[in-house]
Amino acid sequence: MKDSIGDIMSQAKKVQEQMQKVQEELAQAEVIGESGAGMVKIIMTGRHDVKKVEIDSSLFSENKEVVEDLVAAALNDAVRKVDEFNKEKVASITSGFPIPPGFKMPF
């Protein structure tokens, strides 16, 4: 039984170290959310910080609500991509380690 607990603690420490590395990677990672066939692009980090918004100049002649909807859609696309990227990164280091169902990582 002691060996089992020791093994779990050792695994937990490794996962913790790997999580720190992953959090650093996520802060540097960038995804691009798009809408309107690429006419609006949002560049976002793995921590959900928006770094850049690109709007095609042809949209400036459009109705304000159309542009607002496209920006919102691109932002939502970026958020979904960041969440999926983060989930994949975390899964890659926690595979084989028993994590309770529904457990949320602290980021």
PDB file of N, CA and C in Angstrom:
ATOM      1  N   MET A   1       0.822  -1.195   0.000  1.00  0.00           N
ATOM      2  CA  MET A   1       0.000   0.000   0.000  1.00  0.00           C
ATOM      3  C   MET A   1       0.867   1.259   0.000  1.00  0.00           C
ATOM      4  N   LYS A   2       1.971   1.250   0.770  1.00  0.00           N
ATOM      5  CA  LYS A   2       2.852   2.414   0.805  1.00  0.00           C
ATOM      6  C   LYS A   2       3.446   2.700  -0.566  1.00  0.00           C
ATOM      7  N   ASP A   3       3.852   1.641  -1.271  1.00  0.00           N
ATOM      8  CA  ASP A   3       4.415   1.829  -2.607  1.00  0.00           C
ATOM      9  C   ASP A   3       3.394   2.481  -3.526  1.00  0.00           C
ATOM     10  N   SER A   4       2.158   2.075  -3.414  1.00  0.00           N
ATOM     11  CA  SER A   4       1.092   2.610  -4.247  1.00  0.00           C
ATOM     12  C   SER A   4       0.910   4.112  -3.998  1.00  0.00           C
ATOM     13  N   ILE A   5       0.889   4.517  -2.739  1.00  0.00           N
ATOM     14  CA  ILE A   5       0.730   5.932  -2.393  1.00  0.00           C
ATOM     15  C   ILE A   5       1.955   6.713  -2.848  1.00  0.00           C
ATOM     16  N   GLY A   6       3.122   6.139  -2.662  1.00  0.00           N
ATOM     17  CA  GLY A   6       4.360   6.788  -3.105  1.00  0.00           C
ATOM     18  C   GLY A   6       4.374   6.985  -4.613  1.00  0.00           C
ATOM     19  N   ASP A   7       3.895   5.971  -5.344  1.00  0.00           N
ATOM     20  CA  ASP A   7       3.829   6.077  -6.800  1.00  0.00           C
ATOM     21  C   ASP A   7       2.867   7.186  -7.225  1.00  0.00           C
ATOM     22  N   ILE A   8       1.727   7.247  -6.571  1.00  0.00           N
ATOM     23  CA  ILE A   8       0.733   8.275  -6.892  1.00  0.00           C
ATOM     24  C   ILE A   8       1.302   9.660  -6.602  1.00  0.00           C
ATOM     25  N   MET A   9       1.982   9.801  -5.469  1.00  0.00           N
ATOM     26  CA  MET A   9       2.569  11.098  -5.123  1.00  0.00           C
ATOM     27  C   MET A   9       3.651  11.487  -6.130  1.00  0.00           C
ATOM     28  N   SER A  10       4.433  10.531  -6.554  1.00  0.00           N
ATOM     29  CA  SER A  10       5.475  10.794  -7.543  1.00  0.00           C
ATOM     30  C   SER A  10       4.853  11.228  -8.865  1.00  0.00           C
ATOM     31  N   GLN A  11       3.804  10.525  -9.279  1.00  0.00           N
ATOM     32  CA  GLN A  11       3.094  10.888 -10.510  1.00  0.00           C
ATOM     33  C   GLN A  11       2.493  12.285 -10.391  1.00  0.00           C
ATOM     34  N   ALA A  12       1.917  12.576  -9.248  1.00  0.00           N
ATOM     35  CA  ALA A  12       1.285  13.885  -9.031  1.00  0.00           C
ATOM     36  C   ALA A  12       2.320  15.000  -9.143  1.00  0.00           C
ATOM     37  N   LYS A  13       3.498  14.767  -8.612  1.00  0.00           N
ATOM     38  CA  LYS A  13       4.560  15.781  -8.691  1.00  0.00           C
ATOM     39  C   LYS A  13       4.987  15.999 -10.139  1.00  0.00           C
ATOM     40  N   LYS A  14       5.102  14.906 -10.902  1.00  0.00           N
ATOM     41  CA  LYS A  14       5.473  15.023 -12.314  1.00  0.00           C
ATOM     42  C   LYS A  14       4.405  15.793 -13.084  1.00  0.00           C
ATOM     43  N   VAL A  15       3.145  15.466 -12.820  1.00  0.00           N
ATOM     44  CA  VAL A  15       2.046  16.154 -13.503  1.00  0.00           C
ATOM     45  C   VAL A  15       2.054  17.635 -13.148  1.00  0.00           C
ATOM     46  N   GLN A  16       2.319  17.950 -11.889  1.00  0.00           N
ATOM     47  CA  GLN A  16       2.365  19.344 -11.458  1.00  0.00           C
ATOM     48  C   GLN A  16       3.469  20.103 -12.194  1.00  0.00           C
ATOM     49  N   GLU A  17       4.628  19.495 -12.327  1.00  0.00           N
ATOM     50  CA  GLU A  17       5.735  20.125 -13.036  1.00  0.00           C
ATOM     51  C   GLU A  17       5.389  20.325 -14.509  1.00  0.00           C
ATOM     52  N   GLN A  18       4.776  19.312 -15.094  1.00  0.00           N
ATOM     53  CA  GLN A  18       4.385  19.409 -16.492  1.00  0.00           C
ATOM     54  C   GLN A  18       3.300  20.475 -16.684  1.00  0.00           C
ATOM     55  N   MET A  19       2.384  20.589 -15.721  1.00  0.00           N
ATOM     56  CA  MET A  19       1.323  21.587 -15.806  1.00  0.00           C
ATOM     57  C   MET A  19       1.909  22.998 -15.815  1.00  0.00           C
ATOM     58  N   GLN A  20       2.947  23.226 -15.035  1.00  0.00           N
ATOM     59  CA  GLN A  20       3.591  24.544 -15.030  1.00  0.00           C
ATOM     60  C   GLN A  20       4.153  24.861 -16.416  1.00  0.00           C
ATOM     61  N   LYS A  21       4.783  23.870 -17.032  1.00  0.00           N
ATOM     62  CA  LYS A  21       5.328  24.061 -18.372  1.00  0.00           C
ATOM     63  C   LYS A  21       4.213  24.333 -19.375  1.00  0.00           C
ATOM     64  N   VAL A  22       3.125  23.574 -19.254  1.00  0.00           N
ATOM     65  CA  VAL A  22       2.000  23.745 -20.170  1.00  0.00           C
ATOM     66  C   VAL A  22       1.384  25.135 -19.999  1.00  0.00           C
ATOM     67  N   GLN A  23       1.246  25.605 -18.768  1.00  0.00           N
ATOM     68  CA  GLN A  23       0.688  26.936 -18.548  1.00  0.00           C
ATOM     69  C   GLN A  23       1.554  28.013 -19.200  1.00  0.00           C
ATOM     70  N   GLU A  24       2.854  27.833 -19.154  1.00  0.00           N
ATOM     71  CA  GLU A  24       3.755  28.776 -19.815  1.00  0.00           C
ATOM     72  C   GLU A  24       3.574  28.710 -21.327  1.00  0.00           C
ATOM     73  N   GLU A  25       3.435  27.490 -21.865  1.00  0.00           N
ATOM     74  CA  GLU A  25       3.204  27.322 -23.299  1.00  0.00           C
ATOM     75  C   GLU A  25       1.883  27.966 -23.712  1.00  0.00           C
ATOM     76  N   LEU A  26       0.850  27.768 -22.899  1.00  0.00           N
ATOM     77  CA  LEU A  26      -0.461  28.317 -23.223  1.00  0.00           C
ATOM     78  C   LEU A  26      -0.424  29.840 -23.262  1.00  0.00           C
ATOM     79  N   ALA A  27       0.350  30.436 -22.373  1.00  0.00           N
ATOM     80  CA  ALA A  27       0.448  31.895 -22.353  1.00  0.00           C
ATOM     81  C   ALA A  27       1.068  32.410 -23.649  1.00  0.00           C
ATOM     82  N   GLN A  28       1.959  31.626 -24.242  1.00  0.00           N
ATOM     83  CA  GLN A  28       2.645  32.027 -25.475  1.00  0.00           C
ATOM     84  C   GLN A  28       1.889  31.616 -26.735  1.00  0.00           C
ATOM     85  N   ALA A  29       1.040  30.606 -26.627  1.00  0.00           N
ATOM     86  CA  ALA A  29       0.331  30.088 -27.799  1.00  0.00           C
ATOM     87  C   ALA A  29      -0.660  31.119 -28.324  1.00  0.00           C
ATOM     88  N   GLU A  30      -0.891  31.085 -29.622  1.00  0.00           N
ATOM     89  CA  GLU A  30      -1.864  31.965 -30.245  1.00  0.00           C
ATOM     90  C   GLU A  30      -2.774  31.167 -31.157  1.00  0.00           C
ATOM     91  N   VAL A  31      -4.042  31.537 -31.151  1.00  0.00           N
ATOM     92  CA  VAL A  31      -5.003  30.954 -32.084  1.00  0.00           C
ATOM     93  C   VAL A  31      -5.671  32.100 -32.828  1.00  0.00           C
ATOM     94  N   ILE A  32      -6.239  31.772 -33.979  1.00  0.00           N
ATOM     95  CA  ILE A  32      -6.933  32.787 -34.775  1.00  0.00           C
ATOM     96  C   ILE A  32      -8.389  32.366 -34.919  1.00  0.00           C
ATOM     97  N   GLY A  33      -9.273  33.212 -34.430  1.00  0.00           N
ATOM     98  CA  GLY A  33     -10.701  33.020 -34.630  1.00  0.00           C
ATOM     99  C   GLY A  33     -11.126  33.849 -35.825  1.00  0.00           C
ATOM    100  N   GLU A  34     -12.014  33.289 -36.644  1.00  0.00           N
ATOM    101  CA  GLU A  34     -12.415  33.974 -37.864  1.00  0.00           C
ATOM    102  C   GLU A  34     -13.921  33.958 -38.042  1.00  0.00           C
ATOM    103  N   SER A  35     -14.388  34.944 -38.809  1.00  0.00           N
ATOM    104  CA  SER A  35     -15.785  34.952 -39.243  1.00  0.00           C
ATOM    105  C   SER A  35     -15.857  35.694 -40.565  1.00  0.00           C
ATOM    106  N   GLY A  36     -17.001  35.577 -41.226  1.00  0.00           N
ATOM    107  CA  GLY A  36     -17.175  36.256 -42.514  1.00  0.00           C
ATOM    108  C   GLY A  36     -16.158  35.824 -43.537  1.00  0.00           C
ATOM    109  N   ALA A  37     -15.890  34.521 -43.596  1.00  0.00           N
ATOM    110  CA  ALA A  37     -14.919  33.966 -44.553  1.00  0.00           C
ATOM    111  C   ALA A  37     -13.557  34.634 -44.422  1.00  0.00           C
ATOM    112  N   GLY A  38     -13.168  34.895 -43.162  1.00  0.00           N
ATOM    113  CA  GLY A  38     -11.851  35.465 -42.903  1.00  0.00           C
ATOM    114  C   GLY A  38     -11.804  36.976 -42.955  1.00  0.00           C
ATOM    115  N   MET A  39     -12.962  37.619 -43.095  1.00  0.00           N
ATOM    116  CA  MET A  39     -12.975  39.086 -43.158  1.00  0.00           C
ATOM    117  C   MET A  39     -12.726  39.712 -41.786  1.00  0.00           C
ATOM    118  N   VAL A  40     -13.032  38.960 -40.733  1.00  0.00           N
ATOM    119  CA  VAL A  40     -12.732  39.406 -39.368  1.00  0.00           C
ATOM    120  C   VAL A  40     -11.901  38.308 -38.715  1.00  0.00           C
ATOM    121  N   LYS A  41     -10.774  38.705 -38.130  1.00  0.00           N
ATOM    122  CA  LYS A  41      -9.894  37.755 -37.446  1.00  0.00           C
ATOM    123  C   LYS A  41      -9.560  38.299 -36.066  1.00  0.00           C
ATOM    124  N   ILE A  42      -9.574  37.392 -35.096  1.00  0.00           N
ATOM    125  CA  ILE A  42      -9.185  37.723 -33.726  1.00  0.00           C
ATOM    126  C   ILE A  42      -8.013  36.818 -33.374  1.00  0.00           C
ATOM    127  N   ILE A  43      -6.909  37.407 -32.969  1.00  0.00           N
ATOM    128  CA  ILE A  43      -5.757  36.630 -32.521  1.00  0.00           C
ATOM    129  C   ILE A  43      -5.771  36.661 -30.995  1.00  0.00           C
ATOM    130  N   MET A  44      -5.803  35.459 -30.394  1.00  0.00           N
ATOM    131  CA  MET A  44      -5.965  35.314 -28.951  1.00  0.00           C
ATOM    132  C   MET A  44      -4.924  34.355 -28.404  1.00  0.00           C
ATOM    133  N   THR A  45      -4.445  34.639 -27.192  1.00  0.00           N
ATOM    134  CA  THR A  45      -3.485  33.742 -26.544  1.00  0.00           C
ATOM    135  C   THR A  45      -4.230  32.601 -25.861  1.00  0.00           C
ATOM    136  N   GLY A  46      -3.463  31.626 -25.401  1.00  0.00           N
ATOM    137  CA  GLY A  46      -4.025  30.490 -24.680  1.00  0.00           C
ATOM    138  C   GLY A  46      -4.622  30.872 -23.340  1.00  0.00           C
ATOM    139  N   ARG A  47      -4.403  32.102 -22.910  1.00  0.00           N
ATOM    140  CA  ARG A  47      -5.003  32.601 -21.669  1.00  0.00           C
ATOM    141  C   ARG A  47      -6.199  33.507 -21.948  1.00  0.00           C
ATOM    142  N   HIS A  48      -6.693  33.452 -23.170  1.00  0.00           N
ATOM    143  CA  HIS A  48      -7.857  34.229 -23.601  1.00  0.00           C
ATOM    144  C   HIS A  48      -7.606  35.733 -23.668  1.00  0.00           C
ATOM    145  N   ASP A  49      -6.363  36.138 -23.815  1.00  0.00           N
ATOM    146  CA  ASP A  49      -6.064  37.554 -24.017  1.00  0.00           C
ATOM    147  C   ASP A  49      -6.112  37.843 -25.515  1.00  0.00           C
ATOM    148  N   VAL A  50      -6.852  38.859 -25.914  1.00  0.00           N
ATOM    149  CA  VAL A  50      -6.921  39.239 -27.318  1.00  0.00           C
ATOM    150  C   VAL A  50      -5.694  40.086 -27.638  1.00  0.00           C
ATOM    151  N   LYS A  51      -4.923  39.616 -28.619  1.00  0.00           N
ATOM    152  CA  LYS A  51      -3.710  40.332 -29.005  1.00  0.00           C
ATOM    153  C   LYS A  51      -3.944  41.260 -30.187  1.00  0.00           C
ATOM    154  N   LYS A  52      -4.883  40.869 -31.066  1.00  0.00           N
ATOM    155  CA  LYS A  52      -5.074  41.666 -32.266  1.00  0.00           C
ATOM    156  C   LYS A  52      -6.456  41.393 -32.850  1.00  0.00           C
ATOM    157  N   VAL A  53      -7.037  42.436 -33.416  1.00  0.00           N
ATOM    158  CA  VAL A  53      -8.298  42.326 -34.140  1.00  0.00           C
ATOM    159  C   VAL A  53      -8.048  42.852 -35.545  1.00  0.00           C
ATOM    160  N   GLU A  54      -8.360  42.036 -36.548  1.00  0.00           N
ATOM    161  CA  GLU A  54      -8.198  42.449 -37.939  1.00  0.00           C
ATOM    162  C   GLU A  54      -9.575  42.469 -38.597  1.00  0.00           C
ATOM    163  N   ILE A  55      -9.907  43.598 -39.195  1.00  0.00           N
ATOM    164  CA  ILE A  55     -11.192  43.730 -39.884  1.00  0.00           C
ATOM    165  C   ILE A  55     -10.889  44.186 -41.308  1.00  0.00           C
ATOM    166  N   ASP A  56     -11.365  43.413 -42.280  1.00  0.00           N
ATOM    167  CA  ASP A  56     -11.169  43.758 -43.677  1.00  0.00           C
ATOM    168  C   ASP A  56     -11.798  45.121 -43.947  1.00  0.00           C
ATOM    169  N   SER A  57     -11.080  45.979 -44.637  1.00  0.00           N
ATOM    170  CA  SER A  57     -11.550  47.351 -44.867  1.00  0.00           C
ATOM    171  C   SER A  57     -12.869  47.410 -45.645  1.00  0.00           C
ATOM    172  N   SER A  58     -13.173  46.375 -46.407  1.00  0.00           N
ATOM    173  CA  SER A  58     -14.435  46.378 -47.158  1.00  0.00           C
ATOM    174  C   SER A  58     -15.652  46.347 -46.228  1.00  0.00           C
ATOM    175  N   LEU A  59     -15.441  45.911 -44.986  1.00  0.00           N
ATOM    176  CA  LEU A  59     -16.560  45.850 -44.042  1.00  0.00           C
ATOM    177  C   LEU A  59     -16.948  47.219 -43.493  1.00  0.00           C
ATOM    178  N   PHE A  60     -16.089  48.213 -43.650  1.00  0.00           N
ATOM    179  CA  PHE A  60     -16.392  49.527 -43.103  1.00  0.00           C
ATOM    180  C   PHE A  60     -17.554  50.206 -43.819  1.00  0.00           C
ATOM    181  N   SER A  61     -17.900  49.695 -44.975  1.00  0.00           N
ATOM    182  CA  SER A  61     -19.060  50.243 -45.679  1.00  0.00           C
ATOM    183  C   SER A  61     -20.346  49.509 -45.289  1.00  0.00           C
ATOM    184  N   GLU A  62     -20.207  48.484 -44.474  1.00  0.00           N
ATOM    185  CA  GLU A  62     -21.358  47.693 -44.037  1.00  0.00           C
ATOM    186  C   GLU A  62     -22.071  48.355 -42.864  1.00  0.00           C
ATOM    187  N   ASN A  63     -23.240  47.862 -42.608  1.00  0.00           N
ATOM    188  CA  ASN A  63     -24.035  48.274 -41.463  1.00  0.00           C
ATOM    189  C   ASN A  63     -23.265  47.958 -40.180  1.00  0.00           C
ATOM    190  N   LYS A  64     -23.324  48.844 -39.207  1.00  0.00           N
ATOM    191  CA  LYS A  64     -22.604  48.680 -37.935  1.00  0.00           C
ATOM    192  C   LYS A  64     -22.939  47.344 -37.274  1.00  0.00           C
ATOM    193  N   GLU A  65     -24.190  46.950 -37.276  1.00  0.00           N
ATOM    194  CA  GLU A  65     -24.603  45.703 -36.625  1.00  0.00           C
ATOM    195  C   GLU A  65     -23.978  44.480 -37.294  1.00  0.00           C
ATOM    196  N   VAL A  66     -23.791  44.540 -38.612  1.00  0.00           N
ATOM    197  CA  VAL A  66     -23.158  43.429 -39.332  1.00  0.00           C
ATOM    198  C   VAL A  66     -21.718  43.264 -38.849  1.00  0.00           C
ATOM    199  N   VAL A  67     -20.994  44.358 -38.748  1.00  0.00           N
ATOM    200  CA  VAL A  67     -19.602  44.311 -38.298  1.00  0.00           C
ATOM    201  C   VAL A  67     -19.538  43.812 -36.857  1.00  0.00           C
ATOM    202  N   GLU A  68     -20.431  44.307 -36.002  1.00  0.00           N
ATOM    203  CA  GLU A  68     -20.455  43.866 -34.607  1.00  0.00           C
ATOM    204  C   GLU A  68     -20.719  42.365 -34.511  1.00  0.00           C
ATOM    205  N   ASP A  69     -21.650  41.866 -35.315  1.00  0.00           N
ATOM    206  CA  ASP A  69     -21.943  40.425 -35.313  1.00  0.00           C
ATOM    207  C   ASP A  69     -20.744  39.609 -35.772  1.00  0.00           C
ATOM    208  N   LEU A  70     -20.040  40.097 -36.786  1.00  0.00           N
ATOM    209  CA  LEU A  70     -18.861  39.379 -37.279  1.00  0.00           C
ATOM    210  C   LEU A  70     -17.736  39.379 -36.247  1.00  0.00           C
ATOM    211  N   VAL A  71     -17.557  40.493 -35.545  1.00  0.00           N
ATOM    212  CA  VAL A  71     -16.535  40.548 -34.496  1.00  0.00           C
ATOM    213  C   VAL A  71     -16.892  39.575 -33.372  1.00  0.00           C
ATOM    214  N   ALA A  72     -18.164  39.574 -32.963  1.00  0.00           N
ATOM    215  CA  ALA A  72     -18.596  38.645 -31.902  1.00  0.00           C
ATOM    216  C   ALA A  72     -18.392  37.198 -32.335  1.00  0.00           C
ATOM    217  N   ALA A  73     -18.723  36.876 -33.584  1.00  0.00           N
ATOM    218  CA  ALA A  73     -18.562  35.507 -34.081  1.00  0.00           C
ATOM    219  C   ALA A  73     -17.088  35.105 -34.118  1.00  0.00           C
ATOM    220  N   ALA A  74     -16.217  36.011 -34.534  1.00  0.00           N
ATOM    221  CA  ALA A  74     -14.779  35.708 -34.576  1.00  0.00           C
ATOM    222  C   ALA A  74     -14.236  35.523 -33.166  1.00  0.00           C
ATOM    223  N   LEU A  75     -14.701  36.339 -32.235  1.00  0.00           N
ATOM    224  CA  LEU A  75     -14.274  36.205 -30.845  1.00  0.00           C
ATOM    225  C   LEU A  75     -14.713  34.862 -30.272  1.00  0.00           C
ATOM    226  N   ASN A  76     -15.954  34.481 -30.524  1.00  0.00           N
ATOM    227  CA  ASN A  76     -16.445  33.185 -30.047  1.00  0.00           C
ATOM    228  C   ASN A  76     -15.660  32.033 -30.667  1.00  0.00           C
ATOM    229  N   ASP A  77     -15.320  32.152 -31.936  1.00  0.00           N
ATOM    230  CA  ASP A  77     -14.524  31.125 -32.605  1.00  0.00           C
ATOM    231  C   ASP A  77     -13.151  31.009 -31.950  1.00  0.00           C
ATOM    232  N   ALA A  78     -12.537  32.138 -31.637  1.00  0.00           N
ATOM    233  CA  ALA A  78     -11.215  32.121 -30.988  1.00  0.00           C
ATOM    234  C   ALA A  78     -11.296  31.478 -29.608  1.00  0.00           C
ATOM    235  N   VAL A  79     -12.333  31.815 -28.848  1.00  0.00           N
ATOM    236  CA  VAL A  79     -12.492  31.238 -27.504  1.00  0.00           C
ATOM    237  C   VAL A  79     -12.641  29.720 -27.598  1.00  0.00           C
ATOM    238  N   ARG A  80     -13.458  29.235 -28.526  1.00  0.00           N
ATOM    239  CA  ARG A  80     -13.623  27.784 -28.690  1.00  0.00           C
ATOM    240  C   ARG A  80     -12.307  27.112 -29.064  1.00  0.00           C
ATOM    241  N   LYS A  81     -11.551  27.744 -29.957  1.00  0.00           N
ATOM    242  CA  LYS A  81     -10.262  27.171 -30.375  1.00  0.00           C
ATOM    243  C   LYS A  81      -9.265  27.147 -29.217  1.00  0.00           C
ATOM    244  N   VAL A  82      -9.234  28.202 -28.414  1.00  0.00           N
ATOM    245  CA  VAL A  82      -8.340  28.225 -27.250  1.00  0.00           C
ATOM    246  C   VAL A  82      -8.733  27.129 -26.276  1.00  0.00           C
ATOM    247  N   ASP A  83     -10.027  26.998 -26.001  1.00  0.00           N
ATOM    248  CA  ASP A  83     -10.483  25.969 -25.063  1.00  0.00           C
ATOM    249  C   ASP A  83     -10.108  24.574 -25.550  1.00  0.00           C
ATOM    250  N   GLU A  84     -10.278  24.312 -26.839  1.00  0.00           N
ATOM    251  CA  GLU A  84      -9.928  23.001 -27.403  1.00  0.00           C
ATOM    252  C   GLU A  84      -8.421  22.773 -27.340  1.00  0.00           C
ATOM    253  N   PHE A  85      -7.653  23.791 -27.675  1.00  0.00           N
ATOM    254  CA  PHE A  85      -6.193  23.692 -27.610  1.00  0.00           C
ATOM    255  C   PHE A  85      -5.749  23.393 -26.183  1.00  0.00           C
ATOM    256  N   ASN A  86      -6.307  24.130 -25.226  1.00  0.00           N
ATOM    257  CA  ASN A  86      -5.951  23.921 -23.818  1.00  0.00           C
ATOM    258  C   ASN A  86      -6.320  22.512 -23.367  1.00  0.00           C
ATOM    259  N   LYS A  87      -7.499  22.055 -23.754  1.00  0.00           N
ATOM    260  CA  LYS A  87      -7.954  20.717 -23.366  1.00  0.00           C
ATOM    261  C   LYS A  87      -7.013  19.635 -23.906  1.00  0.00           C
ATOM    262  N   GLU A  88      -6.586  19.802 -25.157  1.00  0.00           N
ATOM    263  CA  GLU A  88      -5.670  18.830 -25.765  1.00  0.00           C
ATOM    264  C   GLU A  88      -4.312  18.827 -25.059  1.00  0.00           C
ATOM    265  N   LYS A  89      -3.815  20.015 -24.731  1.00  0.00           N
ATOM    266  CA  LYS A  89      -2.520  20.101 -24.046  1.00  0.00           C
ATOM    267  C   LYS A  89      -2.577  19.430 -22.677  1.00  0.00           C
ATOM    268  N   VAL A  90      -3.628  19.709 -21.923  1.00  0.00           N
ATOM    269  CA  VAL A  90      -3.770  19.131 -20.590  1.00  0.00           C
ATOM    270  C   VAL A  90      -3.940  17.615 -20.688  1.00  0.00           C
ATOM    271  N   ALA A  91      -4.731  17.161 -21.656  1.00  0.00           N
ATOM    272  CA  ALA A  91      -4.951  15.725 -21.822  1.00  0.00           C
ATOM    273  C   ALA A  91      -3.645  15.000 -22.146  1.00  0.00           C
ATOM    274  N   SER A  92      -2.769  15.670 -22.877  1.00  0.00           N
ATOM    275  CA  SER A  92      -1.512  15.017 -23.252  1.00  0.00           C
ATOM    276  C   SER A  92      -0.614  14.745 -22.043  1.00  0.00           C
ATOM    277  N   ILE A  93      -0.734  15.546 -20.991  1.00  0.00           N
ATOM    278  CA  ILE A  93       0.132  15.304 -19.827  1.00  0.00           C
ATOM    279  C   ILE A  93      -0.575  14.554 -18.709  1.00  0.00           C
ATOM    280  N   THR A  94      -1.896  14.524 -18.725  1.00  0.00           N
ATOM    281  CA  THR A  94      -2.608  13.847 -17.646  1.00  0.00           C
ATOM    282  C   THR A  94      -3.063  12.442 -18.031  1.00  0.00           C
ATOM    283  N   SER A  95      -2.799  12.016 -19.273  1.00  0.00           N
ATOM    284  CA  SER A  95      -3.209  10.667 -19.660  1.00  0.00           C
ATOM    285  C   SER A  95      -2.494   9.651 -18.777  1.00  0.00           C
ATOM    286  N   GLY A  96      -3.241   8.730 -18.266  1.00  0.00           N
ATOM    287  CA  GLY A  96      -2.675   7.719 -17.373  1.00  0.00           C
ATOM    288  C   GLY A  96      -2.719   8.102 -15.913  1.00  0.00           C
ATOM    289  N   PHE A  97      -3.067   9.342 -15.623  1.00  0.00           N
ATOM    290  CA  PHE A  97      -3.178   9.784 -14.236  1.00  0.00           C
ATOM    291  C   PHE A  97      -4.660   9.894 -13.904  1.00  0.00           C
ATOM    292  N   PRO A  98      -5.109   9.248 -12.836  1.00  0.00           N
ATOM    293  CA  PRO A  98      -6.535   9.230 -12.531  1.00  0.00           C
ATOM    294  C   PRO A  98      -7.056  10.590 -12.056  1.00  0.00           C
ATOM    295  N   ILE A  99      -7.810  11.263 -12.932  1.00  0.00           N
ATOM    296  CA  ILE A  99      -8.414  12.549 -12.577  1.00  0.00           C
ATOM    297  C   ILE A  99      -9.927  12.331 -12.516  1.00  0.00           C
ATOM    298  N   PRO A 100     -10.559  12.781 -11.438  1.00  0.00           N
ATOM    299  CA  PRO A 100     -12.000  12.558 -11.294  1.00  0.00           C
ATOM    300  C   PRO A 100     -12.793  13.190 -12.438  1.00  0.00           C
ATOM    301  N   PRO A 101     -13.880  12.552 -12.881  1.00  0.00           N
ATOM    302  CA  PRO A 101     -14.708  13.111 -13.936  1.00  0.00           C
ATOM    303  C   PRO A 101     -15.236  14.485 -13.533  1.00  0.00           C
ATOM    304  N   GLY A 102     -15.214  15.410 -14.461  1.00  0.00           N
ATOM    305  CA  GLY A 102     -15.714  16.747 -14.202  1.00  0.00           C
ATOM    306  C   GLY A 102     -14.733  17.677 -13.517  1.00  0.00           C
ATOM    307  N   PHE A 103     -13.537  17.180 -13.189  1.00  0.00           N
ATOM    308  CA  PHE A 103     -12.540  18.009 -12.524  1.00  0.00           C
ATOM    309  C   PHE A 103     -12.059  19.080 -13.480  1.00  0.00           C
ATOM    310  N   LYS A 104     -12.056  20.324 -13.051  1.00  0.00           N
ATOM    311  CA  LYS A 104     -11.622  21.444 -13.872  1.00  0.00           C
ATOM    312  C   LYS A 104     -10.222  21.860 -13.456  1.00  0.00           C
ATOM    313  N   MET A 105      -9.366  22.055 -14.443  1.00  0.00           N
ATOM    314  CA  MET A 105      -8.015  22.531 -14.166  1.00  0.00           C
ATOM    315  C   MET A 105      -8.089  24.009 -13.775  1.00  0.00           C
ATOM    316  N   PRO A 106      -7.117  24.479 -13.012  1.00  0.00           N
ATOM    317  CA  PRO A 106      -7.187  25.855 -12.487  1.00  0.00           C
ATOM    318  C   PRO A 106      -6.796  26.939 -13.477  1.00  0.00           C
ATOM    319  N   PHE A 107      -7.130  26.795 -14.747  1.00  0.00           N
ATOM    320  CA  PHE A 107      -6.880  27.872 -15.720  1.00  0.00           C
ATOM    321  C   PHE A 107      -7.868  27.785 -16.839  1.00  0.00           C
TER     322      PHE A 107
END
